[in-house]
Amino acid sequence: MFAPARQCSRQWIARSFRDGVGKRSMSVRPEETKRTKEGDVAPRKKVTIQRLQHMRDAGTPIAMLTAYDYPTGRACETYGVDISLVGDSLAQVCLGYDSTTRLTMDEMLPHCRAVSRGSRNPLLVADMPFGSYYAGLEDAVRAGVRMVREGHVEAVKMEGGEEIVPSVRALTSMGIPVMAHVGLLPQRHTAYSGYRVQGKDVNSARAVLRAALALEDAGAFSMVLEAVPHHLGTYITQRLRVPTIGIGAGPGTSGQVLVWNDVMATWNGHKAKFVRRFADVQGETKKGVIGYIDAVKDRSFPDASESYEMEAE
């Protein structure tokens, strides 16, 4: 936690953030990803929680990416993603809902199973759907067990602050690993009056840090920091002993996560400031669909080489 209020002036916080930036040490040289000529990752060991901790301690950045089905899970496996996240963002990008809060557990589980069949080496984490762990410890445990047993995931992710500490502690005590999520909580966007950056002032920054420390103490093996100032993201990363995964939290976290559809430019919705598009799949899809339709209409598809013959007799 931050120091008592009388010591916690804006100047003290600013100095702490400034002095901490860029001072994360590396105990060993970061490992290099080995790839084949085709770009696939060479055979590698299973990514475990212990391995993620070693990466954090060594200063090796952790790459997490969302996946929603067998093909995206397979891509995470083939190209070297460290953590595959079955994000509740599938509510919008796959199912067409206007919010992640519409997603139910029964809708989530088939996507988890599909990703699990394609993504084996990355650690497989999935979001706990909205409302599945709010009613009490019994509901939280029941939901966590379903995610592991029916969804075939290896860990669950939970959004919230100090109010979910009992649920995190209950799940971790049963052997269900929990990745916590603080800062902007998309499942609570209505209460926030939109998707707003968190931790921009002293009190808000202290609240985010306090939540992160409490969730780590409850047993969370990792912490997602979403939409917080980069100084705060770096500072929390230095204060915690577990890896942090940033999304709009700056470069000072232990790793980064983005939504598949943002990375591939297939999402037509709002583009957040922290999103970088690394491919133009939508452009290629448009090209392919229009090309196919035109070829059908002008009868250039199929041609003789794409048709079957029969014997002359």
Foldseek 3Di string as FASTA:
>chain_A
DDDPPVCQDPVVLVVLLVVLPPPQAAPDDADDFDADPVQWTDDDAAQDLVNQLNLLNRLNAAAEEEFFAQVRLQVCAGNPHQEYEPELCCVCVPVNDPASQVDDLVNSQVRLQRSCVRHPRHQYEYEQGPPQPPPHLVSLQVSLCCCCPRNVHQAYEYEDFPVCLVNLLSCVVVPHAYEYEFFFDRSCQVVVVHRAGFLPDSVRLVRRLNRLVSNVVSPHQEYEYERYDQSSQLSSQVVDSHFYEYQNNDDNGRYYYDYPCLQAVVDPDDDDPRGDHPHPVVVVVVVVVVVVVVCVVVVVPPDPVPDDDDDPD
